[in-house]
Amino acid sequence: MSDDYDRTAEANGIRASYDETETERVLEFRATDDAATARPGTTAAIAQNREGYAMLKVRPTADGDELERYYGFDMALDHAAELLGVSQHDLPVPAAAEDLGM
């Protein structure tokens, strides 16, 4: 199991955290007070089943209703960035979540 260093990342005023529940792998983004373009507290999440082979679900929060499904991680990141009001390239991705969508 990876440690907290592998499960969190922060850059450009966005904090990312990766978690695994009984059924899903979840990557959640939250705009911090340092966010230049996103409103602090705004969130977006990307979820995938524990087995790691299903489509990625984009949600407004980790436990929110699904907004859209994507096959590719890049497309899911783009949608999450849009929800936060930032560029996809501004989103930090923790090491433990780098293989989502593969």
N, C-alpha and C. Protein backbone atom coordinates (compact mmCIF):
# COMPACT_ATOMS: atom_id res chain seq x y z
N MET A 1 0.84 -1.19 0.00
CA MET A 1 0.00 0.00 0.00
C MET A 1 0.88 1.24 0.00
N SER A 2 0.49 2.25 -0.75
CA SER A 2 1.29 3.47 -0.82
C SER A 2 1.05 4.36 0.39
N ASP A 3 2.01 5.24 0.65
CA ASP A 3 1.87 6.13 1.79
C ASP A 3 1.21 7.44 1.38
N ASP A 4 1.05 8.37 2.34
CA ASP A 4 0.38 9.64 2.07
C ASP A 4 1.09 10.44 0.98
N TYR A 5 2.41 10.32 0.90
CA TYR A 5 3.17 11.05 -0.12
C TYR A 5 2.71 10.63 -1.51
N ASP A 6 2.44 9.35 -1.69
CA ASP A 6 1.99 8.84 -2.99
C ASP A 6 0.52 9.16 -3.26
N ARG A 7 -0.24 9.47 -2.22
CA ARG A 7 -1.69 9.64 -2.35
C ARG A 7 -2.15 11.08 -2.38
N THR A 8 -1.26 12.03 -2.19
CA THR A 8 -1.63 13.44 -2.24
C THR A 8 -0.63 14.22 -3.09
N ALA A 9 -1.12 15.30 -3.65
CA ALA A 9 -0.25 16.20 -4.43
C ALA A 9 -0.90 17.58 -4.40
N GLU A 10 -0.08 18.61 -4.49
CA GLU A 10 -0.61 19.96 -4.50
C GLU A 10 0.22 20.82 -5.43
N ALA A 11 -0.47 21.59 -6.26
CA ALA A 11 0.18 22.52 -7.17
C ALA A 11 -0.86 23.49 -7.71
N ASN A 12 -0.43 24.69 -8.03
CA ASN A 12 -1.29 25.68 -8.68
C ASN A 12 -2.58 25.96 -7.91
N GLY A 13 -2.53 25.85 -6.59
CA GLY A 13 -3.72 26.10 -5.78
C GLY A 13 -4.74 24.99 -5.81
N ILE A 14 -4.34 23.80 -6.28
CA ILE A 14 -5.23 22.64 -6.30
C ILE A 14 -4.59 21.52 -5.49
N ARG A 15 -5.36 20.96 -4.57
CA ARG A 15 -4.89 19.82 -3.77
C ARG A 15 -5.61 18.58 -4.27
N ALA A 16 -4.84 17.54 -4.57
CA ALA A 16 -5.41 16.28 -5.05
C ALA A 16 -5.19 15.21 -4.00
N SER A 17 -6.19 14.38 -3.80
CA SER A 17 -6.04 13.26 -2.88
C SER A 17 -6.65 12.01 -3.51
N TYR A 18 -5.95 10.90 -3.35
CA TYR A 18 -6.37 9.62 -3.90
C TYR A 18 -6.75 8.70 -2.76
N ASP A 19 -7.87 7.99 -2.92
CA ASP A 19 -8.32 7.06 -1.90
C ASP A 19 -8.94 5.84 -2.58
N GLU A 20 -8.97 4.75 -1.86
CA GLU A 20 -9.64 3.54 -2.34
C GLU A 20 -10.71 3.15 -1.33
N THR A 21 -11.94 3.00 -1.82
CA THR A 21 -13.04 2.55 -0.97
C THR A 21 -13.22 1.05 -1.21
N GLU A 22 -14.26 0.48 -0.67
CA GLU A 22 -14.53 -0.94 -0.89
C GLU A 22 -14.83 -1.25 -2.36
N THR A 23 -15.34 -0.25 -3.09
CA THR A 23 -15.75 -0.50 -4.47
C THR A 23 -15.03 0.35 -5.52
N GLU A 24 -14.38 1.44 -5.11
CA GLU A 24 -13.82 2.37 -6.09
C GLU A 24 -12.43 2.89 -5.73
N ARG A 25 -11.78 3.37 -6.76
CA ARG A 25 -10.57 4.18 -6.64
C ARG A 25 -11.03 5.60 -6.94
N VAL A 26 -10.72 6.56 -6.06
CA VAL A 26 -11.23 7.91 -6.21
C VAL A 26 -10.10 8.93 -6.12
N LEU A 27 -10.06 9.82 -7.11
CA LEU A 27 -9.13 10.94 -7.13
C LEU A 27 -9.96 12.20 -7.01
N GLU A 28 -9.75 12.95 -5.93
CA GLU A 28 -10.54 14.16 -5.70
C GLU A 28 -9.63 15.38 -5.73
N PHE A 29 -10.12 16.42 -6.38
CA PHE A 29 -9.41 17.69 -6.47
C PHE A 29 -10.18 18.75 -5.68
N ARG A 30 -9.44 19.60 -4.98
CA ARG A 30 -10.06 20.70 -4.22
C ARG A 30 -9.22 21.96 -4.42
N ALA A 31 -9.88 23.04 -4.81
CA ALA A 31 -9.19 24.32 -4.93
C ALA A 31 -8.92 24.86 -3.53
N THR A 32 -7.69 25.27 -3.29
CA THR A 32 -7.31 25.80 -1.98
C THR A 32 -7.42 27.32 -1.98
N ASP A 33 -7.13 27.93 -0.86
CA ASP A 33 -7.17 29.39 -0.76
C ASP A 33 -6.13 30.04 -1.68
N ASP A 34 -5.13 29.27 -2.09
CA ASP A 34 -4.07 29.78 -2.97
C ASP A 34 -4.44 29.72 -4.45
N ALA A 35 -5.60 29.17 -4.76
CA ALA A 35 -5.98 29.00 -6.17
C ALA A 35 -6.15 30.35 -6.84
N ALA A 36 -5.46 30.52 -7.95
CA ALA A 36 -5.53 31.80 -8.67
C ALA A 36 -6.79 31.91 -9.52
N THR A 37 -7.22 30.82 -10.12
CA THR A 37 -8.36 30.89 -11.02
C THR A 37 -9.60 30.18 -10.50
N ALA A 38 -9.44 29.16 -9.69
CA ALA A 38 -10.60 28.42 -9.17
C ALA A 38 -11.07 29.03 -7.86
N ARG A 39 -12.36 28.93 -7.61
CA ARG A 39 -12.92 29.42 -6.35
C ARG A 39 -12.52 28.47 -5.23
N PRO A 40 -11.90 28.96 -4.15
CA PRO A 40 -11.50 28.08 -3.05
C PRO A 40 -12.67 27.22 -2.57
N GLY A 41 -12.37 25.94 -2.35
CA GLY A 41 -13.39 25.00 -1.88
C GLY A 41 -14.09 24.25 -2.99
N THR A 42 -13.94 24.71 -4.24
CA THR A 42 -14.54 24.01 -5.38
C THR A 42 -13.89 22.64 -5.51
N THR A 43 -14.69 21.62 -5.82
CA THR A 43 -14.17 20.26 -5.93
C THR A 43 -14.58 19.60 -7.24
N ALA A 44 -13.85 18.56 -7.58
CA ALA A 44 -14.17 17.67 -8.69
C ALA A 44 -13.54 16.33 -8.36
N ALA A 45 -14.12 15.26 -8.87
CA ALA A 45 -13.58 13.93 -8.57
C ALA A 45 -13.66 13.03 -9.79
N ILE A 46 -12.73 12.09 -9.83
CA ILE A 46 -12.71 11.06 -10.87
C ILE A 46 -12.69 9.72 -10.14
N ALA A 47 -13.60 8.82 -10.52
CA ALA A 47 -13.70 7.52 -9.85
C ALA A 47 -13.66 6.40 -10.87
N GLN A 48 -13.13 5.26 -10.44
CA GLN A 48 -13.06 4.06 -11.26
C GLN A 48 -13.25 2.86 -10.33
N ASN A 49 -13.76 1.75 -10.87
CA ASN A 49 -13.96 0.59 -10.00
C ASN A 49 -12.62 0.09 -9.47
N ARG A 50 -12.65 -0.68 -8.40
CA ARG A 50 -11.43 -1.17 -7.75
C ARG A 50 -10.56 -2.00 -8.67
N GLU A 51 -11.18 -2.71 -9.59
CA GLU A 51 -10.43 -3.57 -10.50
C GLU A 51 -9.65 -2.75 -11.52
N GLY A 52 -10.04 -1.49 -11.73
CA GLY A 52 -9.30 -0.59 -12.58
C GLY A 52 -9.51 -0.75 -14.06
N TYR A 53 -10.59 -1.39 -14.49
CA TYR A 53 -10.79 -1.57 -15.92
C TYR A 53 -12.03 -0.88 -16.47
N ALA A 54 -12.87 -0.34 -15.63
CA ALA A 54 -14.11 0.30 -16.08
C ALA A 54 -13.86 1.75 -16.49
N MET A 55 -14.87 2.33 -17.10
CA MET A 55 -14.79 3.73 -17.50
C MET A 55 -14.63 4.61 -16.26
N LEU A 56 -14.04 5.77 -16.47
CA LEU A 56 -13.84 6.75 -15.39
C LEU A 56 -15.08 7.62 -15.26
N LYS A 57 -15.52 7.84 -14.03
CA LYS A 57 -16.70 8.65 -13.77
C LYS A 57 -16.25 10.00 -13.21
N VAL A 58 -16.73 11.08 -13.79
CA VAL A 58 -16.44 12.42 -13.27
C VAL A 58 -17.63 12.88 -12.46
N ARG A 59 -17.33 13.41 -11.27
CA ARG A 59 -18.36 13.87 -10.34
C ARG A 59 -17.97 15.24 -9.79
N PRO A 60 -18.93 15.99 -9.27
CA PRO A 60 -18.58 17.27 -8.64
C PRO A 60 -17.89 17.09 -7.29
N THR A 61 -18.14 15.96 -6.62
CA THR A 61 -17.49 15.61 -5.36
C THR A 61 -17.23 14.10 -5.38
N ALA A 62 -16.44 13.62 -4.43
CA ALA A 62 -16.10 12.20 -4.39
C ALA A 62 -17.33 11.30 -4.29
N ASP A 63 -18.34 11.74 -3.57
CA ASP A 63 -19.55 10.93 -3.41
C ASP A 63 -20.76 11.52 -4.12
N GLY A 64 -20.51 12.47 -5.02
CA GLY A 64 -21.59 13.11 -5.77
C GLY A 64 -22.10 12.26 -6.91
N ASP A 65 -23.12 12.77 -7.57
CA ASP A 65 -23.72 12.08 -8.71
C ASP A 65 -22.79 12.17 -9.92
N GLU A 66 -22.75 11.11 -10.67
CA GLU A 66 -21.93 11.05 -11.88
C GLU A 66 -22.41 12.07 -12.90
N LEU A 67 -21.45 12.81 -13.47
CA LEU A 67 -21.78 13.78 -14.51
C LEU A 67 -21.53 13.22 -15.91
N GLU A 68 -20.45 12.44 -16.04
CA GLU A 68 -20.05 11.91 -17.35
C GLU A 68 -19.10 10.75 -17.15
N ARG A 69 -18.98 9.88 -18.17
CA ARG A 69 -18.03 8.76 -18.14
C ARG A 69 -17.06 8.91 -19.32
N TYR A 70 -15.82 8.50 -19.07
CA TYR A 70 -14.79 8.57 -20.09
C TYR A 70 -13.95 7.31 -20.08
N TYR A 71 -13.44 6.94 -21.25
CA TYR A 71 -12.49 5.83 -21.34
C TYR A 71 -11.10 6.30 -20.95
N GLY A 72 -10.73 7.50 -21.35
CA GLY A 72 -9.37 7.98 -21.13
C GLY A 72 -9.22 8.89 -19.93
N PHE A 73 -8.10 8.74 -19.24
CA PHE A 73 -7.80 9.57 -18.07
C PHE A 73 -7.66 11.03 -18.47
N ASP A 74 -7.04 11.31 -19.63
CA ASP A 74 -6.87 12.70 -20.07
C ASP A 74 -8.21 13.40 -20.23
N MET A 75 -9.18 12.71 -20.80
CA MET A 75 -10.50 13.32 -21.00
C MET A 75 -11.20 13.56 -19.66
N ALA A 76 -11.05 12.62 -18.73
CA ALA A 76 -11.64 12.80 -17.41
C ALA A 76 -10.97 13.96 -16.67
N LEU A 77 -9.63 14.06 -16.79
CA LEU A 77 -8.92 15.19 -16.18
C LEU A 77 -9.37 16.51 -16.77
N ASP A 78 -9.58 16.54 -18.07
CA ASP A 78 -10.03 17.77 -18.73
C ASP A 78 -11.39 18.21 -18.18
N HIS A 79 -12.31 17.27 -17.99
CA HIS A 79 -13.63 17.60 -17.45
C HIS A 79 -13.51 18.06 -16.00
N ALA A 80 -12.69 17.38 -15.20
CA ALA A 80 -12.50 17.80 -13.80
C ALA A 80 -11.92 19.21 -13.75
N ALA A 81 -10.95 19.50 -14.61
CA ALA A 81 -10.36 20.85 -14.65
C ALA A 81 -11.42 21.89 -15.02
N GLU A 82 -12.28 21.54 -15.95
CA GLU A 82 -13.36 22.45 -16.34
C GLU A 82 -14.27 22.76 -15.16
N LEU A 83 -14.60 21.75 -14.37
CA LEU A 83 -15.43 21.97 -13.18
C LEU A 83 -14.77 22.91 -12.18
N LEU A 84 -13.43 22.84 -12.11
CA LEU A 84 -12.68 23.70 -11.19
C LEU A 84 -12.37 25.07 -11.78
N GLY A 85 -12.52 25.21 -13.08
CA GLY A 85 -12.21 26.48 -13.73
C GLY A 85 -10.72 26.69 -13.95
N VAL A 86 -9.98 25.60 -14.15
CA VAL A 86 -8.54 25.67 -14.39
C VAL A 86 -8.19 24.86 -15.63
N SER A 87 -6.94 24.94 -16.03
CA SER A 87 -6.45 24.13 -17.14
C SER A 87 -6.16 22.71 -16.65
N GLN A 88 -6.34 21.74 -17.53
CA GLN A 88 -6.02 20.35 -17.18
C GLN A 88 -4.58 20.23 -16.68
N HIS A 89 -3.69 21.02 -17.25
CA HIS A 89 -2.27 20.97 -16.89
C HIS A 89 -1.98 21.53 -15.50
N ASP A 90 -2.98 22.21 -14.91
CA ASP A 90 -2.84 22.74 -13.55
C ASP A 90 -3.15 21.69 -12.49
N LEU A 91 -3.73 20.57 -12.89
CA LEU A 91 -4.14 19.55 -11.92
C LEU A 91 -2.96 18.65 -11.54
N PRO A 92 -2.63 18.60 -10.24
CA PRO A 92 -1.60 17.66 -9.80
C PRO A 92 -2.21 16.27 -9.68
N VAL A 93 -1.44 15.25 -10.03
CA VAL A 93 -1.92 13.87 -9.94
C VAL A 93 -0.98 13.10 -9.04
N PRO A 94 -1.46 12.61 -7.89
CA PRO A 94 -0.61 11.81 -7.00
C PRO A 94 -0.12 10.54 -7.70
N ALA A 95 1.05 10.08 -7.30
CA ALA A 95 1.65 8.89 -7.92
C ALA A 95 0.71 7.68 -7.90
N ALA A 96 -0.02 7.49 -6.81
CA ALA A 96 -0.90 6.33 -6.69
C ALA A 96 -2.06 6.35 -7.69
N ALA A 97 -2.35 7.53 -8.26
CA ALA A 97 -3.49 7.65 -9.19
C ALA A 97 -3.07 7.75 -10.64
N GLU A 98 -1.79 7.70 -10.92
CA GLU A 98 -1.31 7.90 -12.29
C GLU A 98 -1.79 6.84 -13.27
N ASP A 99 -2.18 5.66 -12.78
CA ASP A 99 -2.61 4.60 -13.69
C ASP A 99 -4.12 4.50 -13.84
N LEU A 100 -4.88 5.48 -13.38
CA LEU A 100 -6.32 5.46 -13.57
C LEU A 100 -6.61 5.45 -15.07
N GLY A 101 -7.61 4.70 -15.46
CA GLY A 101 -8.03 4.65 -16.84
C GLY A 101 -7.18 3.76 -17.72
N MET A 102 -6.25 3.06 -17.16
CA MET A 102 -5.39 2.20 -17.99
C MET A 102 -5.78 0.74 -17.85
